[in-house]
Amino acid sequence: MRTFPILAAVTFALALVTTQADAKGCIKGAVVGGVAGHFAGHHAVVGAVTGCVMGRRLAKKHEMEREQQSQTPGAGTQPSTPAASPQPTDSSSSPKPQ
């Protein structure tokens, strides 16, 4: 029995059914990992898969850092302006007209 045509048909069907994936970092990581895997003993596929996973992880980490930085200034804090101090009521400290 030939399993390759069946496996290819199932893979193609799943590719049509699945929703769009967010692949930020995956493609760049897969390329770098594939090249590194190729030079490290002809393991390009393993390198590409690992690179994709790591690239996605790093992209997600950077995205979360950018979110935190954008939320930090406006997270319920007031702008840093000096508070208005009350005017002195003592007449000795105020300048006297001449």
PDB file of N, CA and C in Angstrom:
ATOM      1  N   MET A   1       0.847  -1.184   0.000  1.00  0.00           N
ATOM      2  CA  MET A   1       0.000   0.000   0.000  1.00  0.00           C
ATOM      3  C   MET A   1       0.887   1.239   0.000  1.00  0.00           C
ATOM      4  N   ARG A   2       0.526   2.179  -0.793  1.00  0.00           N
ATOM      5  CA  ARG A   2       1.302   3.400  -0.897  1.00  0.00           C
ATOM      6  C   ARG A   2       0.734   4.444   0.053  1.00  0.00           C
ATOM      7  N   THR A   3       1.535   4.804   1.034  1.00  0.00           N
ATOM      8  CA  THR A   3       1.068   5.762   2.037  1.00  0.00           C
ATOM      9  C   THR A   3       1.347   7.203   1.643  1.00  0.00           C
ATOM     10  N   PHE A   4       2.318   7.403   0.769  1.00  0.00           N
ATOM     11  CA  PHE A   4       2.660   8.774   0.400  1.00  0.00           C
ATOM     12  C   PHE A   4       1.510   9.529  -0.274  1.00  0.00           C
ATOM     13  N   PRO A   5       0.830   8.960  -1.274  1.00  0.00           N
ATOM     14  CA  PRO A   5      -0.289   9.697  -1.883  1.00  0.00           C
ATOM     15  C   PRO A   5      -1.414   9.984  -0.882  1.00  0.00           C
ATOM     16  N   ILE A   6      -1.657   9.057   0.013  1.00  0.00           N
ATOM     17  CA  ILE A   6      -2.704   9.279   1.009  1.00  0.00           C
ATOM     18  C   ILE A   6      -2.294  10.389   1.974  1.00  0.00           C
ATOM     19  N   LEU A   7      -1.037  10.325   2.411  1.00  0.00           N
ATOM     20  CA  LEU A   7      -0.527  11.347   3.316  1.00  0.00           C
ATOM     21  C   LEU A   7      -0.526  12.721   2.648  1.00  0.00           C
ATOM     22  N   ALA A   8      -0.163  12.780   1.389  1.00  0.00           N
ATOM     23  CA  ALA A   8      -0.165  14.043   0.651  1.00  0.00           C
ATOM     24  C   ALA A   8      -1.581  14.588   0.507  1.00  0.00           C
ATOM     25  N   ALA A   9      -2.548  13.725   0.237  1.00  0.00           N
ATOM     26  CA  ALA A   9      -3.939  14.171   0.102  1.00  0.00           C
ATOM     27  C   ALA A   9      -4.484  14.687   1.424  1.00  0.00           C
ATOM     28  N   VAL A  10      -4.169  14.008   2.507  1.00  0.00           N
ATOM     29  CA  VAL A  10      -4.638  14.449   3.826  1.00  0.00           C
ATOM     30  C   VAL A  10      -3.996  15.786   4.192  1.00  0.00           C
ATOM     31  N   THR A  11      -2.713  15.924   3.924  1.00  0.00           N
ATOM     32  CA  THR A  11      -2.018  17.172   4.207  1.00  0.00           C
ATOM     33  C   THR A  11      -2.603  18.320   3.399  1.00  0.00           C
ATOM     34  N   PHE A  12      -2.874  18.082   2.139  1.00  0.00           N
ATOM     35  CA  PHE A  12      -3.469  19.114   1.288  1.00  0.00           C
ATOM     36  C   PHE A  12      -4.857  19.499   1.782  1.00  0.00           C
ATOM     37  N   ALA A  13      -5.648  18.511   2.195  1.00  0.00           N
ATOM     38  CA  ALA A  13      -6.996  18.789   2.698  1.00  0.00           C
ATOM     39  C   ALA A  13      -6.932  19.606   3.993  1.00  0.00           C
ATOM     40  N   LEU A  14      -6.015  19.252   4.865  1.00  0.00           N
ATOM     41  CA  LEU A  14      -5.875  20.018   6.113  1.00  0.00           C
ATOM     42  C   LEU A  14      -5.395  21.433   5.855  1.00  0.00           C
ATOM     43  N   ALA A  15      -4.558  21.611   4.851  1.00  0.00           N
ATOM     44  CA  ALA A  15      -4.087  22.949   4.516  1.00  0.00           C
ATOM     45  C   ALA A  15      -5.226  23.827   4.023  1.00  0.00           C
ATOM     46  N   LEU A  16      -6.187  23.246   3.340  1.00  0.00           N
ATOM     47  CA  LEU A  16      -7.330  24.018   2.857  1.00  0.00           C
ATOM     48  C   LEU A  16      -8.319  24.350   3.968  1.00  0.00           C
ATOM     49  N   VAL A  17      -8.408  23.491   4.972  1.00  0.00           N
ATOM     50  CA  VAL A  17      -9.397  23.656   6.029  1.00  0.00           C
ATOM     51  C   VAL A  17      -8.924  24.617   7.119  1.00  0.00           C
ATOM     52  N   THR A  18      -7.639  24.629   7.394  1.00  0.00           N
ATOM     53  CA  THR A  18      -7.135  25.421   8.511  1.00  0.00           C
ATOM     54  C   THR A  18      -7.263  26.904   8.233  1.00  0.00           C
ATOM     55  N   THR A  19      -7.263  27.679   9.296  1.00  0.00           N
ATOM     56  CA  THR A  19      -7.338  29.126   9.179  1.00  0.00           C
ATOM     57  C   THR A  19      -5.950  29.690   8.951  1.00  0.00           C
ATOM     58  N   GLN A  20      -5.914  30.963   8.678  1.00  0.00           N
ATOM     59  CA  GLN A  20      -4.643  31.617   8.420  1.00  0.00           C
ATOM     60  C   GLN A  20      -3.821  31.655   9.708  1.00  0.00           C
ATOM     61  N   ALA A  21      -2.564  31.271   9.628  1.00  0.00           N
ATOM     62  CA  ALA A  21      -1.687  31.255  10.791  1.00  0.00           C
ATOM     63  C   ALA A  21      -0.887  32.551  10.849  1.00  0.00           C
ATOM     64  N   ASP A  22      -0.548  32.946  12.058  1.00  0.00           N
ATOM     65  CA  ASP A  22       0.285  34.111  12.267  1.00  0.00           C
ATOM     66  C   ASP A  22       1.736  33.641  12.290  1.00  0.00           C
ATOM     67  N   ALA A  23       2.473  33.917  11.223  1.00  0.00           N
ATOM     68  CA  ALA A  23       3.814  33.349  11.066  1.00  0.00           C
ATOM     69  C   ALA A  23       4.910  34.381  11.262  1.00  0.00           C
ATOM     70  N   LYS A  24       4.707  35.353  12.136  1.00  0.00           N
ATOM     71  CA  LYS A  24       5.748  36.338  12.369  1.00  0.00           C
ATOM     72  C   LYS A  24       6.964  35.652  12.964  1.00  0.00           C
ATOM     73  N   GLY A  25       8.079  35.831  12.344  1.00  0.00           N
ATOM     74  CA  GLY A  25       9.321  35.254  12.828  1.00  0.00           C
ATOM     75  C   GLY A  25       9.577  33.845  12.356  1.00  0.00           C
ATOM     76  N   CYS A  26       8.570  33.131  11.923  1.00  0.00           N
ATOM     77  CA  CYS A  26       8.735  31.729  11.539  1.00  0.00           C
ATOM     78  C   CYS A  26       9.535  31.586  10.251  1.00  0.00           C
ATOM     79  N   ILE A  27       9.234  32.383   9.264  1.00  0.00           N
ATOM     80  CA  ILE A  27       9.897  32.230   7.974  1.00  0.00           C
ATOM     81  C   ILE A  27      11.380  32.576   8.083  1.00  0.00           C
ATOM     82  N   LYS A  28      11.682  33.696   8.732  1.00  0.00           N
ATOM     83  CA  LYS A  28      13.083  34.075   8.893  1.00  0.00           C
ATOM     84  C   LYS A  28      13.832  33.034   9.719  1.00  0.00           C
ATOM     85  N   GLY A  29      13.214  32.561  10.798  1.00  0.00           N
ATOM     86  CA  GLY A  29      13.840  31.539  11.629  1.00  0.00           C
ATOM     87  C   GLY A  29      14.031  30.234  10.895  1.00  0.00           C
ATOM     88  N   ALA A  30      13.073  29.885  10.053  1.00  0.00           N
ATOM     89  CA  ALA A  30      13.179  28.638   9.290  1.00  0.00           C
ATOM     90  C   ALA A  30      14.314  28.712   8.274  1.00  0.00           C
ATOM     91  N   VAL A  31      14.479  29.852   7.639  1.00  0.00           N
ATOM     92  CA  VAL A  31      15.565  30.003   6.676  1.00  0.00           C
ATOM     93  C   VAL A  31      16.914  29.909   7.380  1.00  0.00           C
ATOM     94  N   VAL A  32      17.067  30.651   8.470  1.00  0.00           N
ATOM     95  CA  VAL A  32      18.333  30.624   9.203  1.00  0.00           C
ATOM     96  C   VAL A  32      18.589  29.235   9.783  1.00  0.00           C
ATOM     97  N   GLY A  33      17.569  28.630  10.363  1.00  0.00           N
ATOM     98  CA  GLY A  33      17.721  27.293  10.931  1.00  0.00           C
ATOM     99  C   GLY A  33      18.005  26.246   9.877  1.00  0.00           C
ATOM    100  N   GLY A  34      17.393  26.368   8.719  1.00  0.00           N
ATOM    101  CA  GLY A  34      17.639  25.417   7.635  1.00  0.00           C
ATOM    102  C   GLY A  34      19.065  25.492   7.125  1.00  0.00           C
ATOM    103  N   VAL A  35      19.574  26.705   6.980  1.00  0.00           N
ATOM    104  CA  VAL A  35      20.956  26.868   6.530  1.00  0.00           C
ATOM    105  C   VAL A  35      21.915  26.329   7.587  1.00  0.00           C
ATOM    106  N   ALA A  36      21.670  26.679   8.850  1.00  0.00           N
ATOM    107  CA  ALA A  36      22.537  26.185   9.927  1.00  0.00           C
ATOM    108  C   ALA A  36      22.471  24.665  10.033  1.00  0.00           C
ATOM    109  N   GLY A  37      21.289  24.093   9.902  1.00  0.00           N
ATOM    110  CA  GLY A  37      21.141  22.646   9.958  1.00  0.00           C
ATOM    111  C   GLY A  37      21.823  21.944   8.805  1.00  0.00           C
ATOM    112  N   HIS A  38      21.792  22.587   7.645  1.00  0.00           N
ATOM    113  CA  HIS A  38      22.446  22.000   6.481  1.00  0.00           C
ATOM    114  C   HIS A  38      23.954  21.895   6.699  1.00  0.00           C
ATOM    115  N   PHE A  39      24.527  22.951   7.230  1.00  0.00           N
ATOM    116  CA  PHE A  39      25.963  22.944   7.466  1.00  0.00           C
ATOM    117  C   PHE A  39      26.349  22.125   8.693  1.00  0.00           C
ATOM    118  N   ALA A  40      25.405  21.802   9.549  1.00  0.00           N
ATOM    119  CA  ALA A  40      25.693  21.021  10.755  1.00  0.00           C
ATOM    120  C   ALA A  40      25.308  19.560  10.544  1.00  0.00           C
ATOM    121  N   GLY A  41      25.677  19.003   9.441  1.00  0.00           N
ATOM    122  CA  GLY A  41      25.460  17.577   9.238  1.00  0.00           C
ATOM    123  C   GLY A  41      24.252  17.230   8.412  1.00  0.00           C
ATOM    124  N   HIS A  42      23.855  18.075   7.494  1.00  0.00           N
ATOM    125  CA  HIS A  42      22.731  17.805   6.586  1.00  0.00           C
ATOM    126  C   HIS A  42      21.423  17.554   7.342  1.00  0.00           C
ATOM    127  N   HIS A  43      21.148  18.401   8.320  1.00  0.00           N
ATOM    128  CA  HIS A  43      19.890  18.330   9.074  1.00  0.00           C
ATOM    129  C   HIS A  43      19.074  19.598   8.806  1.00  0.00           C
ATOM    130  N   ALA A  44      18.869  19.903   7.547  1.00  0.00           N
ATOM    131  CA  ALA A  44      18.203  21.147   7.174  1.00  0.00           C
ATOM    132  C   ALA A  44      16.752  21.184   7.639  1.00  0.00           C
ATOM    133  N   VAL A  45      16.048  20.067   7.536  1.00  0.00           N
ATOM    134  CA  VAL A  45      14.631  20.050   7.918  1.00  0.00           C
ATOM    135  C   VAL A  45      14.484  20.257   9.424  1.00  0.00           C
ATOM    136  N   VAL A  46      15.309  19.569  10.198  1.00  0.00           N
ATOM    137  CA  VAL A  46      15.264  19.730  11.657  1.00  0.00           C
ATOM    138  C   VAL A  46      15.629  21.162  12.032  1.00  0.00           C
ATOM    139  N   GLY A  47      16.637  21.707  11.356  1.00  0.00           N
ATOM    140  CA  GLY A  47      17.033  23.094  11.611  1.00  0.00           C
ATOM    141  C   GLY A  47      15.938  24.075  11.245  1.00  0.00           C
ATOM    142  N   ALA A  48      15.243  23.824  10.147  1.00  0.00           N
ATOM    143  CA  ALA A  48      14.166  24.720   9.721  1.00  0.00           C
ATOM    144  C   ALA A  48      13.006  24.695  10.708  1.00  0.00           C
ATOM    145  N   VAL A  49      12.650  23.513  11.179  1.00  0.00           N
ATOM    146  CA  VAL A  49      11.547  23.411  12.149  1.00  0.00           C
ATOM    147  C   VAL A  49      11.930  24.099  13.455  1.00  0.00           C
ATOM    148  N   THR A  50      13.141  23.840  13.925  1.00  0.00           N
ATOM    149  CA  THR A  50      13.594  24.468  15.158  1.00  0.00           C
ATOM    150  C   THR A  50      13.697  25.980  14.995  1.00  0.00           C
ATOM    151  N   GLY A  51      14.204  26.417  13.848  1.00  0.00           N
ATOM    152  CA  GLY A  51      14.309  27.852  13.586  1.00  0.00           C
ATOM    153  C   GLY A  51      12.958  28.526  13.542  1.00  0.00           C
ATOM    154  N   CYS A  52      11.974  27.849  12.973  1.00  0.00           N
ATOM    155  CA  CYS A  52      10.621  28.398  12.923  1.00  0.00           C
ATOM    156  C   CYS A  52      10.047  28.559  14.324  1.00  0.00           C
ATOM    157  N   VAL A  53      10.221  27.536  15.143  1.00  0.00           N
ATOM    158  CA  VAL A  53       9.694  27.591  16.512  1.00  0.00           C
ATOM    159  C   VAL A  53      10.385  28.710  17.302  1.00  0.00           C
ATOM    160  N   MET A  54      11.701  28.773  17.200  1.00  0.00           N
ATOM    161  CA  MET A  54      12.437  29.791  17.943  1.00  0.00           C
ATOM    162  C   MET A  54      12.159  31.196  17.404  1.00  0.00           C
ATOM    163  N   GLY A  55      12.048  31.324  16.086  1.00  0.00           N
ATOM    164  CA  GLY A  55      11.740  32.626  15.505  1.00  0.00           C
ATOM    165  C   GLY A  55      10.378  33.123  15.943  1.00  0.00           C
ATOM    166  N   ARG A  56       9.408  32.227  15.993  1.00  0.00           N
ATOM    167  CA  ARG A  56       8.066  32.613  16.444  1.00  0.00           C
ATOM    168  C   ARG A  56       8.079  33.016  17.912  1.00  0.00           C
ATOM    169  N   ARG A  57       8.844  32.267  18.711  1.00  0.00           N
ATOM    170  CA  ARG A  57       8.946  32.567  20.143  1.00  0.00           C
ATOM    171  C   ARG A  57       9.566  33.947  20.360  1.00  0.00           C
ATOM    172  N   LEU A  58      10.645  34.247  19.642  1.00  0.00           N
ATOM    173  CA  LEU A  58      11.294  35.543  19.789  1.00  0.00           C
ATOM    174  C   LEU A  58      10.406  36.677  19.288  1.00  0.00           C
ATOM    175  N   ALA A  59       9.693  36.459  18.196  1.00  0.00           N
ATOM    176  CA  ALA A  59       8.793  37.491  17.680  1.00  0.00           C
ATOM    177  C   ALA A  59       7.673  37.782  18.674  1.00  0.00           C
ATOM    178  N   LYS A  60       7.158  36.730  19.299  1.00  0.00           N
ATOM    179  CA  LYS A  60       6.102  36.914  20.290  1.00  0.00           C
ATOM    180  C   LYS A  60       6.639  37.664  21.513  1.00  0.00           C
ATOM    181  N   LYS A  61       7.867  37.335  21.917  1.00  0.00           N
ATOM    182  CA  LYS A  61       8.490  37.999  23.068  1.00  0.00           C
ATOM    183  C   LYS A  61       8.681  39.489  22.781  1.00  0.00           C
ATOM    184  N   HIS A  62       9.177  39.817  21.580  1.00  0.00           N
ATOM    185  CA  HIS A  62       9.367  41.215  21.211  1.00  0.00           C
ATOM    186  C   HIS A  62       8.036  41.960  21.116  1.00  0.00           C
ATOM    187  N   GLU A  63       7.020  41.276  20.639  1.00  0.00           N
ATOM    188  CA  GLU A  63       5.689  41.890  20.540  1.00  0.00           C
ATOM    189  C   GLU A  63       5.140  42.218  21.928  1.00  0.00           C
ATOM    190  N   MET A  64       5.323  41.299  22.867  1.00  0.00           N
ATOM    191  CA  MET A  64       4.853  41.541  24.238  1.00  0.00           C
ATOM    192  C   MET A  64       5.623  42.685  24.881  1.00  0.00           C
ATOM    193  N   GLU A  65       6.929  42.792  24.620  1.00  0.00           N
ATOM    194  CA  GLU A  65       7.719  43.892  25.159  1.00  0.00           C
ATOM    195  C   GLU A  65       7.249  45.226  24.596  1.00  0.00           C
ATOM    196  N   ARG A  66       6.947  45.265  23.292  1.00  0.00           N
ATOM    197  CA  ARG A  66       6.443  46.497  22.694  1.00  0.00           C
ATOM    198  C   ARG A  66       5.086  46.875  23.268  1.00  0.00           C
ATOM    199  N   GLU A  67       4.236  45.884  23.537  1.00  0.00           N
ATOM    200  CA  GLU A  67       2.933  46.156  24.146  1.00  0.00           C
ATOM    201  C   GLU A  67       3.095  46.748  25.529  1.00  0.00           C
ATOM    202  N   GLN A  68       3.987  46.175  26.325  1.00  0.00           N
ATOM    203  CA  GLN A  68       4.204  46.675  27.677  1.00  0.00           C
ATOM    204  C   GLN A  68       4.762  48.090  27.647  1.00  0.00           C
ATOM    205  N   GLN A  69       5.649  48.394  26.713  1.00  0.00           N
ATOM    206  CA  GLN A  69       6.206  49.732  26.625  1.00  0.00           C
ATOM    207  C   GLN A  69       5.162  50.746  26.200  1.00  0.00           C
ATOM    208  N   SER A  70       4.261  50.341  25.331  1.00  0.00           N
ATOM    209  CA  SER A  70       3.230  51.278  24.885  1.00  0.00           C
ATOM    210  C   SER A  70       2.154  51.479  25.941  1.00  0.00           C
ATOM    211  N   GLN A  71       1.960  50.509  26.822  1.00  0.00           N
ATOM    212  CA  GLN A  71       0.959  50.636  27.872  1.00  0.00           C
ATOM    213  C   GLN A  71       1.504  51.308  29.118  1.00  0.00           C
ATOM    214  N   THR A  72       2.785  51.299  29.347  1.00  0.00           N
ATOM    215  CA  THR A  72       3.374  51.822  30.571  1.00  0.00           C
ATOM    216  C   THR A  72       3.124  53.315  30.763  1.00  0.00           C
ATOM    217  N   PRO A  73       3.356  54.210  29.789  1.00  0.00           N
ATOM    218  CA  PRO A  73       3.161  55.631  30.055  1.00  0.00           C
ATOM    219  C   PRO A  73       1.724  56.015  30.377  1.00  0.00           C
ATOM    220  N   GLY A  74       0.739  55.370  29.794  1.00  0.00           N
ATOM    221  CA  GLY A  74      -0.639  55.758  30.009  1.00  0.00           C
ATOM    222  C   GLY A  74      -1.406  54.830  30.926  1.00  0.00           C
ATOM    223  N   ALA A  75      -0.723  54.059  31.748  1.00  0.00           N
ATOM    224  CA  ALA A  75      -1.395  53.067  32.583  1.00  0.00           C
ATOM    225  C   ALA A  75      -1.876  53.673  33.890  1.00  0.00           C
ATOM    226  N   GLY A  76      -2.764  54.656  33.816  1.00  0.00           N
ATOM    227  CA  GLY A  76      -3.367  55.210  35.017  1.00  0.00           C
ATOM    228  C   GLY A  76      -2.492  56.202  35.753  1.00  0.00           C
ATOM    229  N   THR A  77      -1.378  56.604  35.201  1.00  0.00           N
ATOM    230  CA  THR A  77      -0.529  57.586  35.859  1.00  0.00           C
ATOM    231  C   THR A  77      -0.728  58.924  35.205  1.00  0.00           C
ATOM    232  N   GLN A  78      -0.559  59.959  35.989  1.00  0.00           N
ATOM    233  CA  GLN A  78      -0.704  61.298  35.468  1.00  0.00           C
ATOM    234  C   GLN A  78       0.640  61.767  34.947  1.00  0.00           C
ATOM    235  N   PRO A  79       0.636  62.711  34.034  1.00  0.00           N
ATOM    236  CA  PRO A  79       1.906  63.209  33.536  1.00  0.00           C
ATOM    237  C   PRO A  79       2.700  63.864  34.662  1.00  0.00           C
ATOM    238  N   SER A  80       3.993  63.846  34.535  1.00  0.00           N
ATOM    239  CA  SER A  80       4.841  64.356  35.610  1.00  0.00           C
ATOM    240  C   SER A  80       4.978  65.868  35.501  1.00  0.00           C
ATOM    241  N   THR A  81       3.976  66.591  36.000  1.00  0.00           N
ATOM    242  CA  THR A  81       4.022  68.045  36.068  1.00  0.00           C
ATOM    243  C   THR A  81       4.079  68.437  37.528  1.00  0.00           C
ATOM    244  N   PRO A  82       4.808  69.482  37.847  1.00  0.00           N
ATOM    245  CA  PRO A  82       4.890  69.872  39.254  1.00  0.00           C
ATOM    246  C   PRO A  82       3.532  70.334  39.763  1.00  0.00           C
ATOM    247  N   ALA A  83       3.236  69.949  40.956  1.00  0.00           N
ATOM    248  CA  ALA A  83       1.957  70.326  41.554  1.00  0.00           C
ATOM    249  C   ALA A  83       1.987  71.815  41.889  1.00  0.00           C
ATOM    250  N   ALA A  84       0.849  72.442  41.735  1.00  0.00           N
ATOM    251  CA  ALA A  84       0.758  73.873  42.028  1.00  0.00           C
ATOM    252  C   ALA A  84       0.843  74.069  43.537  1.00  0.00           C
ATOM    253  N   SER A  85       1.839  74.835  43.953  1.00  0.00           N
ATOM    254  CA  SER A  85       1.991  75.082  45.391  1.00  0.00           C
ATOM    255  C   SER A  85       1.119  76.269  45.773  1.00  0.00           C
ATOM    256  N   PRO A  86       0.590  76.243  46.965  1.00  0.00           N
ATOM    257  CA  PRO A  86      -0.253  77.366  47.388  1.00  0.00           C
ATOM    258  C   PRO A  86       0.591  78.628  47.538  1.00  0.00           C
ATOM    259  N   GLN A  87      -0.039  79.748  47.280  1.00  0.00           N
ATOM    260  CA  GLN A  87       0.640  81.023  47.403  1.00  0.00           C
ATOM    261  C   GLN A  87       0.904  81.317  48.875  1.00  0.00           C
ATOM    262  N   PRO A  88       2.048  81.884  49.173  1.00  0.00           N
ATOM    263  CA  PRO A  88       2.325  82.195  50.581  1.00  0.00           C
ATOM    264  C   PRO A  88       1.357  83.260  51.101  1.00  0.00           C
ATOM    265  N   THR A  89       0.906  83.058  52.308  1.00  0.00           N
ATOM    266  CA  THR A  89      -0.039  84.000  52.912  1.00  0.00           C
ATOM    267  C   THR A  89       0.661  84.967  53.844  1.00  0.00           C
ATOM    268  N   ASP A  90       1.899  84.720  54.149  1.00  0.00           N
ATOM    269  CA  ASP A  90       2.655  85.595  55.037  1.00  0.00           C
ATOM    270  C   ASP A  90       3.075  86.830  54.254  1.00  0.00           C
ATOM    271  N   SER A  91       2.762  87.992  54.765  1.00  0.00           N
ATOM    272  CA  SER A  91       3.067  89.222  54.063  1.00  0.00           C
ATOM    273  C   SER A  91       4.552  89.548  54.098  1.00  0.00           C
ATOM    274  N   SER A  92       5.297  88.961  55.006  1.00  0.00           N
ATOM    275  CA  SER A  92       6.710  89.266  55.091  1.00  0.00           C
ATOM    276  C   SER A  92       7.497  88.597  53.972  1.00  0.00           C
ATOM    277  N   SER A  93       6.995  87.533  53.411  1.00  0.00           N
ATOM    278  CA  SER A  93       7.722  86.849  52.350  1.00  0.00           C
ATOM    279  C   SER A  93       7.374  87.386  50.972  1.00  0.00           C
ATOM    280  N   SER A  94       6.327  88.160  50.842  1.00  0.00           N
ATOM    281  CA  SER A  94       5.963  88.699  49.532  1.00  0.00           C
ATOM    282  C   SER A  94       6.748  89.972  49.267  1.00  0.00           C
ATOM    283  N   PRO A  95       7.051  90.242  48.017  1.00  0.00           N
ATOM    284  CA  PRO A  95       7.801  91.480  47.703  1.00  0.00           C
ATOM    285  C   PRO A  95       6.923  92.699  47.966  1.00  0.00           C
ATOM    286  N   LYS A  96       7.558  93.731  48.513  1.00  0.00           N
ATOM    287  CA  LYS A  96       6.826  94.963  48.850  1.00  0.00           C
ATOM    288  C   LYS A  96       6.980  95.973  47.712  1.00  0.00           C
ATOM    289  N   PRO A  97       5.884  96.616  47.352  1.00  0.00           N
ATOM    290  CA  PRO A  97       5.978  97.620  46.310  1.00  0.00           C
ATOM    291  C   PRO A  97       6.782  98.845  46.795  1.00  0.00           C
ATOM    292  N   GLN A  98       7.501  99.484  45.912  1.00  0.00           N
ATOM    293  CA  GLN A  98       8.312 100.635  46.313  1.00  0.00           C
ATOM    294  C   GLN A  98       7.760 101.919  45.816  1.00  0.00           C
TER     295      GLN A  98
END
